[in-house]
């Protein structure tokens, strides 16, 4: 029996250079500047571990339906200024894989495609709003 997975697909255009968008997606300190409640730990190389942890206003790890919001995975692909993929197989958060693809539109504009693969339709629906919030926070941070 094959597992059926669900995907969330988001595409946005960021008025910033490809290099700046890439840096904001793949640098732990940069991520915490636009996602204030998120802490990311990784050495940012292929096949290395990566862990995103979401905290509430009181500094405690956020929970959803009894599951701590800690996404632990392995960086599968890290192609400079182009492609970033994380595999979360076995993660209790329901996320299986995330892929960020970047494309230069011009010197000051970048197209970002984000695809998230999730175990259940309910979880996929619940992640949509958070994904949009994260991408909008990235845009706002880079465009100001």
N, C-alpha and C. Protein backbone atom coordinates (compact mmCIF):
# COMPACT_ATOMS: atom_id res chain seq x y z
N UNK A 1 0.84 -1.18 0.00
CA UNK A 1 0.00 0.00 0.00
C UNK A 1 0.89 1.25 0.00
N UNK A 2 0.66 2.13 -0.96
CA UNK A 2 1.45 3.35 -1.05
C UNK A 2 0.83 4.46 -0.23
N UNK A 3 1.69 5.24 0.39
CA UNK A 3 1.23 6.39 1.17
C UNK A 3 0.83 7.50 0.22
N UNK A 4 -0.26 8.17 0.55
CA UNK A 4 -0.64 9.34 -0.22
C UNK A 4 -0.19 10.57 0.55
N UNK A 5 0.56 11.44 -0.12
CA UNK A 5 1.02 12.67 0.50
C UNK A 5 0.31 13.85 -0.13
N UNK A 6 0.38 14.97 0.53
CA UNK A 6 -0.27 16.19 0.07
C UNK A 6 0.78 17.28 -0.03
N UNK A 7 0.58 18.22 -0.94
CA UNK A 7 1.57 19.27 -1.11
C UNK A 7 0.94 20.65 -1.00
N UNK A 8 1.75 21.55 -0.48
CA UNK A 8 1.44 22.98 -0.51
C UNK A 8 2.45 23.60 -1.45
N UNK A 9 1.95 24.34 -2.43
CA UNK A 9 2.82 25.01 -3.39
C UNK A 9 2.62 26.52 -3.26
N UNK A 10 3.71 27.23 -3.11
CA UNK A 10 3.66 28.69 -3.00
C UNK A 10 4.71 29.27 -3.94
N UNK A 11 4.32 30.28 -4.68
CA UNK A 11 5.25 31.00 -5.54
C UNK A 11 5.12 32.48 -5.23
N UNK A 12 6.25 33.14 -5.10
CA UNK A 12 6.24 34.57 -4.84
C UNK A 12 7.41 35.22 -5.57
N UNK A 13 7.28 36.51 -5.79
CA UNK A 13 8.36 37.28 -6.38
C UNK A 13 8.86 38.24 -5.31
N UNK A 14 10.16 38.24 -5.11
CA UNK A 14 10.77 39.09 -4.09
C UNK A 14 11.59 40.17 -4.79
N UNK A 15 11.35 41.42 -4.42
CA UNK A 15 12.10 42.53 -5.00
C UNK A 15 13.44 42.66 -4.28
N UNK A 16 14.30 41.70 -4.56
CA UNK A 16 15.63 41.64 -3.98
C UNK A 16 16.48 40.73 -4.86
N UNK A 17 17.78 40.88 -4.75
CA UNK A 17 18.67 40.06 -5.59
C UNK A 17 18.58 38.58 -5.20
N UNK A 18 18.89 37.74 -6.15
CA UNK A 18 18.91 36.30 -5.93
C UNK A 18 19.83 35.94 -4.76
N UNK A 19 20.99 36.57 -4.71
CA UNK A 19 21.96 36.27 -3.66
C UNK A 19 21.43 36.63 -2.27
N UNK A 20 20.73 37.74 -2.15
CA UNK A 20 20.18 38.14 -0.85
C UNK A 20 19.05 37.21 -0.42
N UNK A 21 18.22 36.79 -1.36
CA UNK A 21 17.14 35.85 -1.03
C UNK A 21 17.74 34.53 -0.56
N UNK A 22 18.72 34.04 -1.29
CA UNK A 22 19.38 32.79 -0.92
C UNK A 22 19.97 32.87 0.48
N UNK A 23 20.68 33.96 0.76
CA UNK A 23 21.31 34.14 2.07
C UNK A 23 20.26 34.16 3.18
N UNK A 24 19.14 34.81 2.93
CA UNK A 24 18.07 34.90 3.94
C UNK A 24 17.42 33.54 4.20
N UNK A 25 17.44 32.66 3.23
CA UNK A 25 16.85 31.32 3.39
C UNK A 25 17.82 30.31 4.00
N UNK A 26 19.13 30.56 3.86
CA UNK A 26 20.11 29.53 4.22
C UNK A 26 21.13 30.00 5.26
N UNK A 27 20.75 30.94 6.09
CA UNK A 27 21.63 31.42 7.14
C UNK A 27 20.81 31.53 8.43
N UNK A 28 21.22 30.81 9.45
CA UNK A 28 20.45 30.74 10.70
C UNK A 28 20.20 32.11 11.31
N UNK A 29 21.21 32.97 11.34
CA UNK A 29 21.03 34.31 11.93
C UNK A 29 20.06 35.15 11.11
N UNK A 30 20.14 35.05 9.79
CA UNK A 30 19.22 35.81 8.93
C UNK A 30 17.78 35.36 9.13
N UNK A 31 17.56 34.06 9.21
CA UNK A 31 16.20 33.53 9.37
C UNK A 31 15.56 34.10 10.63
N UNK A 32 16.32 34.20 11.71
CA UNK A 32 15.76 34.71 12.96
C UNK A 32 15.44 36.20 12.91
N UNK A 33 15.92 36.90 11.89
CA UNK A 33 15.61 38.33 11.73
C UNK A 33 14.23 38.56 11.14
N UNK A 34 13.73 37.63 10.33
CA UNK A 34 12.39 37.82 9.78
C UNK A 34 11.37 36.82 10.32
N UNK A 35 11.83 35.72 10.89
CA UNK A 35 10.95 34.79 11.60
C UNK A 35 11.39 34.81 13.06
N UNK A 36 10.91 35.80 13.78
CA UNK A 36 11.41 36.09 15.12
C UNK A 36 11.21 34.95 16.11
N UNK A 37 10.21 34.11 15.86
CA UNK A 37 9.91 33.02 16.79
C UNK A 37 10.61 31.71 16.40
N UNK A 38 11.46 31.75 15.38
CA UNK A 38 12.09 30.54 14.86
C UNK A 38 13.60 30.55 15.14
N UNK A 39 14.09 29.41 15.60
CA UNK A 39 15.53 29.23 15.76
C UNK A 39 15.94 28.07 14.85
N UNK A 40 17.00 28.27 14.08
CA UNK A 40 17.47 27.24 13.15
C UNK A 40 18.91 26.88 13.49
N UNK A 41 19.16 25.57 13.56
CA UNK A 41 20.51 25.08 13.84
C UNK A 41 20.93 24.15 12.70
N UNK A 42 22.04 24.49 12.05
CA UNK A 42 22.58 23.66 10.97
C UNK A 42 23.97 24.17 10.62
N UNK A 43 24.77 23.31 9.99
CA UNK A 43 26.04 23.79 9.46
C UNK A 43 25.91 24.08 7.96
N UNK A 44 24.70 23.94 7.42
CA UNK A 44 24.35 24.33 6.05
C UNK A 44 25.22 23.68 4.98
N UNK A 45 25.35 22.37 5.07
CA UNK A 45 26.00 21.60 4.02
C UNK A 45 25.09 20.42 3.66
N UNK A 46 25.23 19.92 2.44
CA UNK A 46 24.42 18.76 2.04
C UNK A 46 24.70 17.58 2.96
N UNK A 47 23.65 16.82 3.22
CA UNK A 47 23.68 15.64 4.09
C UNK A 47 23.86 15.97 5.57
N UNK A 48 23.81 17.26 5.91
CA UNK A 48 23.93 17.62 7.33
C UNK A 48 22.54 17.78 7.95
N UNK A 49 22.50 17.71 9.27
CA UNK A 49 21.25 17.87 9.99
C UNK A 49 20.84 19.34 10.00
N UNK A 50 19.53 19.55 10.07
CA UNK A 50 18.98 20.90 10.23
C UNK A 50 17.79 20.78 11.16
N UNK A 51 17.66 21.76 12.04
CA UNK A 51 16.54 21.73 12.97
C UNK A 51 15.96 23.13 13.11
N UNK A 52 14.66 23.23 12.83
CA UNK A 52 13.90 24.46 13.02
C UNK A 52 13.06 24.27 14.27
N UNK A 53 13.12 25.23 15.21
CA UNK A 53 12.31 25.16 16.42
C UNK A 53 11.51 26.45 16.53
N UNK A 54 10.19 26.31 16.73
CA UNK A 54 9.30 27.47 16.84
C UNK A 54 8.98 27.72 18.31
N UNK A 55 9.16 28.98 18.74
CA UNK A 55 8.93 29.36 20.14
C UNK A 55 7.74 30.31 20.25
N UNK A 56 7.03 30.23 21.38
CA UNK A 56 5.94 31.17 21.63
C UNK A 56 6.50 32.45 22.26
N UNK A 57 5.60 33.40 22.58
CA UNK A 57 6.01 34.70 23.13
C UNK A 57 6.76 34.57 24.46
N UNK A 58 6.51 33.49 25.18
CA UNK A 58 7.15 33.28 26.48
C UNK A 58 8.46 32.50 26.39
N UNK A 59 8.89 32.19 25.17
CA UNK A 59 10.15 31.47 24.99
C UNK A 59 10.05 29.97 25.13
N UNK A 60 8.81 29.45 25.15
CA UNK A 60 8.62 28.00 25.23
C UNK A 60 8.38 27.45 23.83
N UNK A 61 8.77 26.20 23.61
CA UNK A 61 8.56 25.57 22.31
C UNK A 61 7.06 25.45 22.06
N UNK A 62 6.62 25.93 20.90
CA UNK A 62 5.21 25.88 20.53
C UNK A 62 4.77 24.44 20.32
N UNK A 63 3.53 24.15 20.72
CA UNK A 63 2.95 22.82 20.48
C UNK A 63 1.68 22.97 19.66
N UNK A 64 1.41 21.97 18.83
CA UNK A 64 0.17 21.90 18.06
C UNK A 64 -0.37 20.48 18.22
N UNK A 65 -1.57 20.37 18.75
CA UNK A 65 -2.18 19.06 19.01
C UNK A 65 -1.24 18.13 19.78
N UNK A 66 -0.52 18.69 20.74
CA UNK A 66 0.37 17.89 21.58
C UNK A 66 1.74 17.59 20.99
N UNK A 67 2.00 18.07 19.77
CA UNK A 67 3.29 17.84 19.12
C UNK A 67 4.13 19.11 19.18
N UNK A 68 5.35 18.99 19.69
CA UNK A 68 6.24 20.15 19.74
C UNK A 68 6.63 20.53 18.31
N UNK A 69 6.64 21.83 18.06
CA UNK A 69 6.95 22.33 16.73
C UNK A 69 8.47 22.43 16.54
N UNK A 70 9.04 21.24 16.35
CA UNK A 70 10.46 21.10 16.05
C UNK A 70 10.55 20.27 14.78
N UNK A 71 11.10 20.88 13.73
CA UNK A 71 11.24 20.18 12.46
C UNK A 71 12.71 19.78 12.33
N UNK A 72 12.99 18.49 12.46
CA UNK A 72 14.36 17.97 12.35
C UNK A 72 14.48 17.21 11.04
N UNK A 73 15.48 17.57 10.26
CA UNK A 73 15.65 16.91 8.98
C UNK A 73 17.09 16.87 8.54
N UNK A 74 17.26 16.47 7.29
CA UNK A 74 18.57 16.39 6.65
C UNK A 74 18.52 17.24 5.38
N UNK A 75 19.53 18.06 5.19
CA UNK A 75 19.62 18.85 3.96
C UNK A 75 20.01 17.89 2.84
N UNK A 76 19.10 17.70 1.90
CA UNK A 76 19.37 16.80 0.75
C UNK A 76 20.13 17.53 -0.35
N UNK A 77 19.66 18.74 -0.66
CA UNK A 77 20.22 19.49 -1.78
C UNK A 77 20.50 20.91 -1.34
N UNK A 78 21.66 21.41 -1.71
CA UNK A 78 22.03 22.79 -1.42
C UNK A 78 22.85 23.28 -2.60
N UNK A 79 22.16 23.73 -3.65
CA UNK A 79 22.81 24.25 -4.85
C UNK A 79 22.79 25.76 -4.76
N UNK A 80 23.94 26.36 -4.58
CA UNK A 80 24.09 27.79 -4.33
C UNK A 80 23.20 28.65 -5.23
N UNK A 81 22.41 29.50 -4.59
CA UNK A 81 21.52 30.45 -5.27
C UNK A 81 20.49 29.81 -6.18
N UNK A 82 20.20 28.52 -5.97
CA UNK A 82 19.30 27.83 -6.88
C UNK A 82 18.29 26.93 -6.17
N UNK A 83 18.75 25.95 -5.40
CA UNK A 83 17.86 24.91 -4.87
C UNK A 83 18.29 24.49 -3.47
N UNK A 84 17.28 24.39 -2.59
CA UNK A 84 17.51 23.99 -1.20
C UNK A 84 16.39 23.03 -0.83
N UNK A 85 16.74 21.78 -0.48
CA UNK A 85 15.75 20.76 -0.15
C UNK A 85 16.09 20.11 1.19
N UNK A 86 15.06 19.97 2.03
CA UNK A 86 15.22 19.31 3.33
C UNK A 86 14.26 18.14 3.39
N UNK A 87 14.76 16.98 3.84
CA UNK A 87 13.95 15.78 4.03
C UNK A 87 13.70 15.62 5.53
N UNK A 88 12.41 15.55 5.90
CA UNK A 88 12.02 15.42 7.30
C UNK A 88 11.42 14.05 7.60
N UNK A 89 11.70 13.05 6.81
CA UNK A 89 11.10 11.73 6.99
C UNK A 89 11.19 11.29 8.44
N UNK A 90 10.04 10.89 8.98
CA UNK A 90 9.98 10.43 10.36
C UNK A 90 9.67 11.53 11.36
N UNK A 91 9.58 12.76 10.90
CA UNK A 91 9.29 13.88 11.80
C UNK A 91 7.84 13.82 12.25
N UNK A 92 7.56 14.03 13.54
CA UNK A 92 6.19 13.98 14.04
C UNK A 92 5.34 15.19 13.62
N UNK A 93 5.95 16.18 12.96
CA UNK A 93 5.21 17.38 12.56
C UNK A 93 4.36 17.17 11.32
N UNK A 94 4.52 16.04 10.64
CA UNK A 94 3.75 15.76 9.44
C UNK A 94 4.40 16.22 8.15
N UNK A 95 5.47 17.01 8.26
CA UNK A 95 6.17 17.48 7.06
C UNK A 95 7.17 16.41 6.64
N UNK A 96 7.12 16.05 5.35
CA UNK A 96 8.03 15.05 4.79
C UNK A 96 9.22 15.72 4.10
N UNK A 97 8.93 16.76 3.32
CA UNK A 97 9.98 17.40 2.54
C UNK A 97 9.60 18.85 2.26
N UNK A 98 10.64 19.70 2.17
CA UNK A 98 10.45 21.09 1.75
C UNK A 98 11.50 21.41 0.70
N UNK A 99 11.06 22.11 -0.35
CA UNK A 99 11.96 22.49 -1.42
C UNK A 99 11.79 23.97 -1.73
N UNK A 100 12.90 24.67 -1.75
CA UNK A 100 12.94 26.08 -2.14
C UNK A 100 13.71 26.16 -3.45
N UNK A 101 13.08 26.71 -4.49
CA UNK A 101 13.74 26.89 -5.78
C UNK A 101 13.77 28.38 -6.09
N UNK A 102 14.94 28.87 -6.47
CA UNK A 102 15.10 30.28 -6.78
C UNK A 102 15.43 30.47 -8.25
N UNK A 103 14.91 31.56 -8.80
CA UNK A 103 15.19 31.90 -10.19
C UNK A 103 15.35 33.41 -10.30
N UNK A 104 16.45 33.84 -10.93
CA UNK A 104 16.68 35.27 -11.12
C UNK A 104 15.73 35.79 -12.22
N UNK A 105 14.93 36.79 -11.88
CA UNK A 105 14.08 37.44 -12.87
C UNK A 105 14.88 38.56 -13.53
N UNK A 106 15.53 39.38 -12.70
CA UNK A 106 16.49 40.39 -13.13
C UNK A 106 17.41 40.69 -11.94
N UNK A 107 18.27 41.70 -12.04
CA UNK A 107 19.25 41.94 -10.98
C UNK A 107 18.61 42.21 -9.62
N UNK A 108 17.40 42.74 -9.62
CA UNK A 108 16.77 43.14 -8.36
C UNK A 108 15.49 42.37 -8.05
N UNK A 109 15.22 41.31 -8.78
CA UNK A 109 13.98 40.55 -8.57
C UNK A 109 14.27 39.06 -8.65
N UNK A 110 13.68 38.31 -7.71
CA UNK A 110 13.88 36.87 -7.63
C UNK A 110 12.54 36.17 -7.50
N UNK A 111 12.36 35.10 -8.26
CA UNK A 111 11.18 34.25 -8.14
C UNK A 111 11.52 33.12 -7.18
N UNK A 112 10.64 32.90 -6.20
CA UNK A 112 10.84 31.84 -5.20
C UNK A 112 9.66 30.88 -5.26
N UNK A 113 9.96 29.61 -5.52
CA UNK A 113 8.96 28.54 -5.47
C UNK A 113 9.23 27.72 -4.22
N UNK A 114 8.18 27.50 -3.43
CA UNK A 114 8.29 26.71 -2.21
C UNK A 114 7.28 25.57 -2.29
N UNK A 115 7.76 24.34 -2.14
CA UNK A 115 6.88 23.17 -2.17
C UNK A 115 7.10 22.40 -0.88
N UNK A 116 6.00 22.09 -0.22
CA UNK A 116 6.04 21.36 1.05
C UNK A 116 5.20 20.10 0.90
N UNK A 117 5.78 18.96 1.20
CA UNK A 117 5.08 17.67 1.14
C UNK A 117 4.74 17.25 2.56
N UNK A 118 3.45 16.88 2.76
CA UNK A 118 2.93 16.64 4.10
C UNK A 118 2.14 15.33 4.12
N UNK A 119 2.06 14.71 5.30
CA UNK A 119 1.45 13.39 5.43
C UNK A 119 -0.07 13.38 5.34
N UNK A 120 -0.76 14.42 5.82
CA UNK A 120 -2.23 14.40 5.80
C UNK A 120 -2.79 15.69 5.22
N UNK A 121 -3.99 15.60 4.70
CA UNK A 121 -4.66 16.78 4.15
C UNK A 121 -4.91 17.81 5.24
N UNK A 122 -5.31 17.34 6.42
CA UNK A 122 -5.56 18.27 7.54
C UNK A 122 -4.30 19.06 7.87
N UNK A 123 -3.17 18.38 7.96
CA UNK A 123 -1.92 19.08 8.27
C UNK A 123 -1.53 20.02 7.13
N UNK A 124 -1.72 19.58 5.90
CA UNK A 124 -1.40 20.43 4.75
C UNK A 124 -2.21 21.72 4.83
N UNK A 125 -3.50 21.61 5.12
CA UNK A 125 -4.34 22.80 5.25
C UNK A 125 -3.86 23.69 6.39
N UNK A 126 -3.47 23.08 7.50
CA UNK A 126 -3.01 23.87 8.65
C UNK A 126 -1.69 24.57 8.39
N UNK A 127 -0.84 24.01 7.55
CA UNK A 127 0.46 24.63 7.26
C UNK A 127 0.35 25.79 6.27
N UNK A 128 -0.69 25.83 5.45
CA UNK A 128 -0.79 26.85 4.39
C UNK A 128 -0.62 28.26 4.92
N UNK A 129 -1.38 28.60 5.95
CA UNK A 129 -1.34 29.96 6.50
C UNK A 129 0.06 30.29 7.05
N UNK A 130 0.66 29.35 7.75
CA UNK A 130 2.00 29.57 8.29
C UNK A 130 3.03 29.75 7.19
N UNK A 131 2.89 28.98 6.11
CA UNK A 131 3.81 29.12 4.98
C UNK A 131 3.69 30.51 4.36
N UNK A 132 2.45 30.95 4.17
CA UNK A 132 2.23 32.28 3.59
C UNK A 132 2.80 33.36 4.50
N UNK A 133 2.60 33.21 5.80
CA UNK A 133 3.15 34.17 6.76
C UNK A 133 4.68 34.22 6.64
N UNK A 134 5.32 33.06 6.59
CA UNK A 134 6.78 32.99 6.51
C UNK A 134 7.30 33.64 5.23
N UNK A 135 6.67 33.34 4.10
CA UNK A 135 7.11 33.93 2.84
C UNK A 135 6.88 35.44 2.81
N UNK A 136 5.76 35.89 3.36
CA UNK A 136 5.50 37.33 3.43
C UNK A 136 6.50 38.03 4.35
N UNK A 137 6.87 37.38 5.45
CA UNK A 137 7.87 37.94 6.36
C UNK A 137 9.22 38.06 5.66
N UNK A 138 9.58 37.05 4.88
CA UNK A 138 10.82 37.08 4.10
C UNK A 138 10.80 38.25 3.12
N UNK A 139 9.70 38.38 2.38
CA UNK A 139 9.57 39.47 1.41
C UNK A 139 9.70 40.83 2.09
N UNK A 140 8.95 41.01 3.17
CA UNK A 140 8.96 42.29 3.88
C UNK A 140 10.37 42.62 4.38
N UNK A 141 11.04 41.63 4.93
CA UNK A 141 12.40 41.82 5.44
C UNK A 141 13.35 42.24 4.31
N UNK A 142 13.29 41.58 3.19
CA UNK A 142 14.23 41.85 2.10
C UNK A 142 13.86 43.08 1.28
N UNK A 143 12.60 43.45 1.25
CA UNK A 143 12.17 44.57 0.42
C UNK A 143 12.20 45.90 1.15
N UNK A 144 12.46 45.89 2.43
CA UNK A 144 12.53 47.16 3.20
C UNK A 144 13.95 47.59 3.45
